[in-house]
N, C-alpha and C. Protein backbone atom coordinates (compact mmCIF):
# COMPACT_ATOMS: atom_id res chain seq x y z
N UNK A 1 -7.86 6.14 -38.91
CA UNK A 1 -7.30 5.99 -37.92
C UNK A 1 -6.74 6.95 -36.78
N UNK A 2 -7.22 6.69 -35.45
CA UNK A 2 -6.77 7.49 -34.60
C UNK A 2 -5.56 7.94 -33.75
N UNK A 3 -4.71 8.77 -34.11
CA UNK A 3 -3.72 9.17 -33.40
C UNK A 3 -3.75 8.85 -32.06
N UNK A 4 -2.73 7.95 -31.21
CA UNK A 4 -2.79 7.81 -30.07
C UNK A 4 -2.36 9.21 -29.31
N UNK A 5 -2.69 9.62 -28.50
CA UNK A 5 -2.09 10.93 -27.43
C UNK A 5 -1.09 10.72 -27.08
N UNK A 6 -0.09 11.83 -27.09
CA UNK A 6 1.26 12.19 -26.72
C UNK A 6 1.57 12.55 -25.38
N UNK A 7 -0.09 13.19 -24.96
CA UNK A 7 -0.19 13.74 -23.75
C UNK A 7 0.33 13.13 -22.78
N UNK A 8 0.92 13.18 -21.39
CA UNK A 8 1.60 12.25 -20.68
C UNK A 8 1.11 12.69 -19.07
N UNK A 9 0.70 11.92 -18.21
CA UNK A 9 0.17 13.09 -17.06
C UNK A 9 1.79 13.35 -16.22
N UNK A 10 1.70 14.66 -15.94
CA UNK A 10 2.63 15.15 -14.89
C UNK A 10 2.50 14.92 -13.43
N UNK A 11 3.23 14.30 -12.77
CA UNK A 11 2.88 13.83 -11.33
C UNK A 11 3.56 15.14 -10.77
N UNK A 12 2.64 15.27 -9.76
CA UNK A 12 3.12 16.71 -9.02
C UNK A 12 3.22 15.92 -7.60
N UNK A 13 4.06 15.85 -6.69
CA UNK A 13 4.55 15.06 -5.55
C UNK A 13 5.25 16.18 -5.15
N UNK A 14 4.75 16.11 -3.51
CA UNK A 14 5.73 16.59 -2.51
C UNK A 14 6.38 15.51 -1.34
N UNK A 15 7.52 15.71 -0.99
CA UNK A 15 8.43 14.61 0.00
C UNK A 15 8.52 15.62 1.39
N UNK A 16 7.72 15.22 2.45
CA UNK A 16 7.88 15.95 3.41
C UNK A 16 9.20 15.20 4.57
N UNK A 17 10.17 15.64 4.95
CA UNK A 17 10.87 15.25 5.70
C UNK A 17 11.22 15.55 6.97
N UNK A 18 11.98 14.95 7.86
CA UNK A 18 12.37 16.09 9.07
C UNK A 18 14.23 15.96 9.12
N UNK A 19 14.52 17.16 8.76
CA UNK A 19 15.89 17.34 8.73
C UNK A 19 16.91 16.26 8.13
N UNK A 20 17.84 16.12 8.46
CA UNK A 20 18.73 15.24 7.79
C UNK A 20 18.72 13.73 8.18
N UNK A 21 17.86 13.35 8.95
CA UNK A 21 17.65 11.94 9.57
C UNK A 21 17.95 10.97 8.70
N UNK A 22 18.34 10.13 8.96
CA UNK A 22 18.62 8.70 7.96
C UNK A 22 17.49 8.40 7.46
N UNK A 23 16.26 8.03 7.88
CA UNK A 23 15.07 8.29 7.62
C UNK A 23 14.55 9.07 6.10
N UNK A 24 14.88 10.31 6.55
CA UNK A 24 14.81 11.34 5.88
C UNK A 24 15.69 11.03 4.19
N UNK A 25 16.90 11.21 4.62
CA UNK A 25 17.79 11.00 3.55
C UNK A 25 17.61 9.33 2.76
N UNK A 26 17.06 8.53 3.31
CA UNK A 26 16.78 7.45 2.34
C UNK A 26 15.57 8.04 1.56
N UNK A 27 14.76 8.52 2.19
CA UNK A 27 13.16 8.82 1.62
C UNK A 27 13.65 9.69 -0.01
N UNK A 28 14.57 10.66 0.53
CA UNK A 28 14.57 11.58 -0.85
C UNK A 28 15.50 10.87 -1.92
N UNK A 29 16.44 9.90 -1.29
CA UNK A 29 17.42 9.10 -2.24
C UNK A 29 16.27 8.25 -3.02
N UNK A 30 15.26 7.58 -2.55
CA UNK A 30 14.65 6.50 -2.96
C UNK A 30 13.72 6.99 -3.94
N UNK A 31 13.02 8.23 -3.61
CA UNK A 31 12.11 8.74 -4.19
C UNK A 31 12.52 9.29 -5.65
N UNK A 32 13.60 9.93 -5.42
CA UNK A 32 14.38 10.60 -6.68
C UNK A 32 15.05 9.54 -7.78
N UNK A 33 15.31 8.56 -7.21
CA UNK A 33 15.58 7.21 -7.66
C UNK A 33 14.35 6.79 -8.90
N UNK A 34 13.37 6.49 -7.90
CA UNK A 34 12.19 6.06 -8.67
C UNK A 34 11.69 6.89 -9.44
N UNK A 35 11.72 8.41 -8.97
CA UNK A 35 11.05 9.35 -10.02
C UNK A 35 11.82 9.02 -11.37
N UNK A 36 13.03 9.26 -11.38
CA UNK A 36 13.77 9.05 -12.47
C UNK A 36 14.25 8.21 -13.08
N UNK A 37 13.65 6.75 -12.79
CA UNK A 37 13.72 5.66 -13.52
C UNK A 37 12.42 5.54 -14.26
N UNK A 38 10.86 5.90 -13.44
CA UNK A 38 9.89 5.56 -13.82
C UNK A 38 9.05 7.09 -14.27
N UNK A 39 9.64 8.23 -14.11
CA UNK A 39 8.60 9.03 -14.47
C UNK A 39 9.54 10.17 -15.06
N UNK A 40 10.89 9.74 -15.54
CA UNK A 40 11.65 10.78 -16.04
C UNK A 40 10.96 11.81 -17.05
N UNK A 41 11.38 13.09 -16.75
CA UNK A 41 10.56 13.96 -17.76
C UNK A 41 9.21 14.61 -17.49
N UNK A 42 8.68 13.61 -16.32
CA UNK A 42 7.16 13.65 -16.30
C UNK A 42 6.68 14.17 -15.12
N UNK A 43 7.63 14.74 -14.12
CA UNK A 43 7.28 14.80 -12.75
C UNK A 43 7.95 16.06 -12.35
N UNK A 44 7.39 16.73 -10.76
CA UNK A 44 7.75 17.75 -10.17
C UNK A 44 7.52 17.46 -8.89
N UNK A 45 8.82 17.30 -8.17
CA UNK A 45 9.17 16.85 -6.58
C UNK A 45 9.69 17.93 -6.01
N UNK A 46 8.97 18.41 -4.98
CA UNK A 46 9.05 19.22 -3.88
C UNK A 46 9.41 18.85 -2.70
N UNK A 47 10.67 19.03 -1.90
CA UNK A 47 11.03 18.50 -0.90
C UNK A 47 11.38 19.63 0.27
N UNK A 48 9.96 19.40 1.16
CA UNK A 48 9.56 20.21 2.28
C UNK A 48 10.34 19.48 3.70
N UNK A 49 11.34 20.21 4.07
CA UNK A 49 11.65 19.91 5.66
C UNK A 49 10.60 20.74 6.70
N UNK A 50 10.08 19.80 7.30
CA UNK A 50 8.89 20.13 8.25
C UNK A 50 9.55 21.08 9.42
N UNK A 51 10.77 20.85 9.67
CA UNK A 51 11.46 21.74 10.68
C UNK A 51 11.94 23.18 10.48
N UNK A 52 12.14 23.16 8.83
CA UNK A 52 12.28 24.48 8.40
C UNK A 52 11.03 25.22 7.47
N UNK A 53 10.20 24.80 7.53
CA UNK A 53 8.64 24.84 7.21
C UNK A 53 7.62 24.52 7.73
N UNK A 54 7.26 24.56 9.24
CA UNK A 54 6.44 23.86 9.70
C UNK A 54 4.75 24.38 9.51
N UNK A 55 4.80 25.65 8.83
CA UNK A 55 3.41 26.21 8.33
C UNK A 55 2.89 25.33 7.13
N UNK A 56 3.71 24.98 6.37
CA UNK A 56 3.50 24.32 5.23
C UNK A 56 3.02 22.87 5.36
N UNK A 57 3.69 22.33 6.43
CA UNK A 57 3.55 20.72 7.02
C UNK A 57 2.15 20.88 7.79
N UNK A 58 2.06 21.72 8.53
CA UNK A 58 0.74 22.48 8.93
C UNK A 58 -0.67 22.17 8.11
N UNK A 59 -0.35 22.92 7.09
CA UNK A 59 -1.80 23.37 6.29
C UNK A 59 -1.67 21.82 5.34
N UNK A 60 -0.84 20.92 5.32
CA UNK A 60 -1.18 19.75 4.61
C UNK A 60 -1.51 18.86 5.76
N UNK A 61 -1.40 18.95 6.95
CA UNK A 61 -1.88 17.82 7.77
C UNK A 61 -0.63 16.71 8.00
N UNK A 62 0.44 17.18 7.71
CA UNK A 62 1.66 16.49 8.18
C UNK A 62 1.78 15.69 9.54
N UNK A 63 1.47 14.27 9.65
CA UNK A 63 1.26 14.12 11.31
C UNK A 63 2.70 13.00 11.15
N UNK A 64 3.29 12.57 10.20
CA UNK A 64 4.28 11.57 10.23
C UNK A 64 5.37 11.90 9.08
N UNK A 65 6.78 11.66 9.29
CA UNK A 65 7.49 12.25 8.24
C UNK A 65 8.21 10.95 8.25
N UNK A 66 8.93 10.45 7.05
CA UNK A 66 8.80 11.02 5.82
C UNK A 66 7.46 10.52 5.22
N UNK A 67 6.91 11.42 4.61
CA UNK A 67 5.45 11.40 3.67
C UNK A 67 5.82 11.85 2.01
N UNK A 68 5.17 10.86 1.50
CA UNK A 68 4.95 11.43 0.13
C UNK A 68 3.47 11.65 -0.32
N UNK A 69 3.64 12.84 -0.86
CA UNK A 69 1.76 13.17 -1.15
C UNK A 69 1.93 13.37 -2.74
N UNK A 70 1.13 12.32 -3.47
CA UNK A 70 1.09 12.65 -4.80
C UNK A 70 -0.37 13.71 -5.00
N UNK A 71 -0.32 14.72 -5.83
CA UNK A 71 -0.99 15.30 -5.82
C UNK A 71 -2.09 15.39 -7.01
N UNK A 72 -1.21 15.12 -7.97
CA UNK A 72 -1.42 14.89 -9.53
C UNK A 72 -0.83 13.87 -10.15
N UNK A 73 -1.32 12.96 -11.08
CA UNK A 73 -2.75 12.77 -11.53
C UNK A 73 -3.40 12.25 -10.25
N UNK A 74 -4.64 13.10 -10.28
CA UNK A 74 -5.56 12.32 -9.08
C UNK A 74 -5.76 10.82 -9.06
N UNK A 75 -6.36 10.25 -8.15
CA UNK A 75 -6.70 10.97 -7.05
C UNK A 75 -5.33 11.17 -5.96
N UNK A 76 -5.56 11.97 -4.98
CA UNK A 76 -4.61 11.95 -4.01
C UNK A 76 -4.14 11.18 -3.13
N UNK A 77 -2.90 10.87 -3.26
CA UNK A 77 -2.39 9.73 -2.32
C UNK A 77 -1.13 9.88 -1.45
N UNK A 78 -1.17 9.62 -0.27
CA UNK A 78 -0.16 9.75 0.91
C UNK A 78 0.46 8.70 1.09
N UNK A 79 1.74 8.51 1.21
CA UNK A 79 2.60 6.92 1.50
C UNK A 79 3.73 7.74 2.65
N UNK A 80 3.69 6.95 3.69
CA UNK A 80 4.35 7.08 4.99
C UNK A 80 5.42 6.08 4.80
N UNK A 81 6.71 6.85 5.29
CA UNK A 81 7.98 5.90 5.06
C UNK A 81 8.79 6.12 4.34
N UNK A 82 10.10 5.31 4.13
CA UNK A 82 11.46 5.74 3.09
C UNK A 82 11.58 5.50 2.37
N UNK A 83 10.42 4.94 1.31
CA UNK A 83 9.90 5.04 0.05
C UNK A 83 10.97 3.98 -0.60
N UNK A 84 11.29 2.53 0.28
CA UNK A 84 12.42 1.80 -0.39
C UNK A 84 11.39 0.30 -0.82
N UNK A 85 10.44 0.61 -0.77
CA UNK A 85 9.49 -0.55 -1.26
C UNK A 85 9.02 0.02 -2.67
N UNK A 86 9.77 -0.07 -3.42
CA UNK A 86 9.72 0.33 -4.91
C UNK A 86 8.24 0.36 -5.58
N UNK A 87 8.06 -1.39 -5.27
CA UNK A 87 6.42 -1.71 -5.79
C UNK A 87 5.52 -0.72 -4.80
N UNK A 88 5.44 -0.41 -3.56
CA UNK A 88 4.32 -0.01 -2.72
C UNK A 88 4.55 1.33 -3.33
N UNK A 89 5.62 2.07 -3.88
CA UNK A 89 5.55 3.61 -3.84
C UNK A 89 5.02 3.65 -5.34
N UNK A 90 5.21 2.59 -6.51
CA UNK A 90 4.63 2.84 -7.76
C UNK A 90 3.09 2.47 -7.75
N UNK A 91 2.47 1.77 -6.77
CA UNK A 91 1.36 1.49 -6.67
C UNK A 91 0.63 2.75 -6.47
N UNK A 92 1.14 3.38 -5.24
CA UNK A 92 0.76 4.56 -4.65
C UNK A 92 0.55 5.56 -5.69
N UNK A 93 1.83 5.62 -6.49
CA UNK A 93 1.61 6.84 -7.62
C UNK A 93 0.67 6.19 -9.03
N UNK A 94 0.57 5.13 -9.00
CA UNK A 94 -0.55 4.58 -10.25
C UNK A 94 0.27 4.57 -11.26
N UNK A 95 1.56 4.15 -11.06
CA UNK A 95 2.38 4.08 -12.31
C UNK A 95 2.51 2.70 -13.38
N UNK A 96 1.71 1.84 -12.02
CA UNK A 96 1.51 0.19 -12.58
C UNK A 96 0.34 0.05 -13.51
N UNK A 97 -0.37 1.34 -13.15
CA UNK A 97 -1.54 0.95 -13.98
C UNK A 97 -1.10 1.51 -15.39
N UNK A 98 -0.04 2.20 -16.03
CA UNK A 98 0.09 2.90 -17.06
C UNK A 98 0.93 1.86 -17.75
N UNK A 99 0.69 1.55 -19.06
CA UNK A 99 1.47 0.86 -20.33
C UNK A 99 2.74 1.51 -20.68
N UNK A 100 4.02 0.77 -20.01
CA UNK A 100 5.30 1.76 -20.34
C UNK A 100 6.13 0.70 -21.12
N UNK A 101 7.28 1.15 -22.09
CA UNK A 101 8.34 0.59 -22.58
C UNK A 101 9.29 0.31 -21.44
N UNK A 102 10.53 -0.02 -22.17
CA UNK A 102 11.30 -0.60 -21.13
C UNK A 102 11.99 0.44 -20.91
N UNK A 103 11.97 1.88 -21.52
CA UNK A 103 12.68 3.36 -20.86
C UNK A 103 11.88 3.66 -19.92
N UNK A 104 10.68 3.07 -19.45
CA UNK A 104 10.28 3.99 -18.39
C UNK A 104 9.47 5.26 -19.29
N UNK A 105 9.00 5.08 -20.74
CA UNK A 105 7.81 6.01 -21.19
C UNK A 105 6.83 5.36 -21.24
N UNK A 106 5.53 6.13 -21.58
CA UNK A 106 4.23 5.37 -21.89
C UNK A 106 4.23 5.61 -23.61
N UNK A 107 3.58 4.03 -23.55
CA UNK A 107 3.53 3.54 -25.31
C UNK A 107 2.30 4.46 -25.55
């Protein structure tokens, strides 16, 4: 009998914001809440303020904020908005494609 793999994907995410605008604050809070509920211990989230780090935003071709980019697992996905639509965010992160138990852990 084969043992199930215990390796889980590491989600590498970057959230681009514009200062402390209301949309940016909502995007940060919503993204953190989603990550802690559905990806706890399996994600890396970097928050980049395009006003403070414009060169990074330029290199990633950020044209609108808030912008969440999922780099891993592939494919790369981009999602614009304040991340208030949890179902849409989970779909972009491909979390809905994984079988999870009630604790948000992979089976």
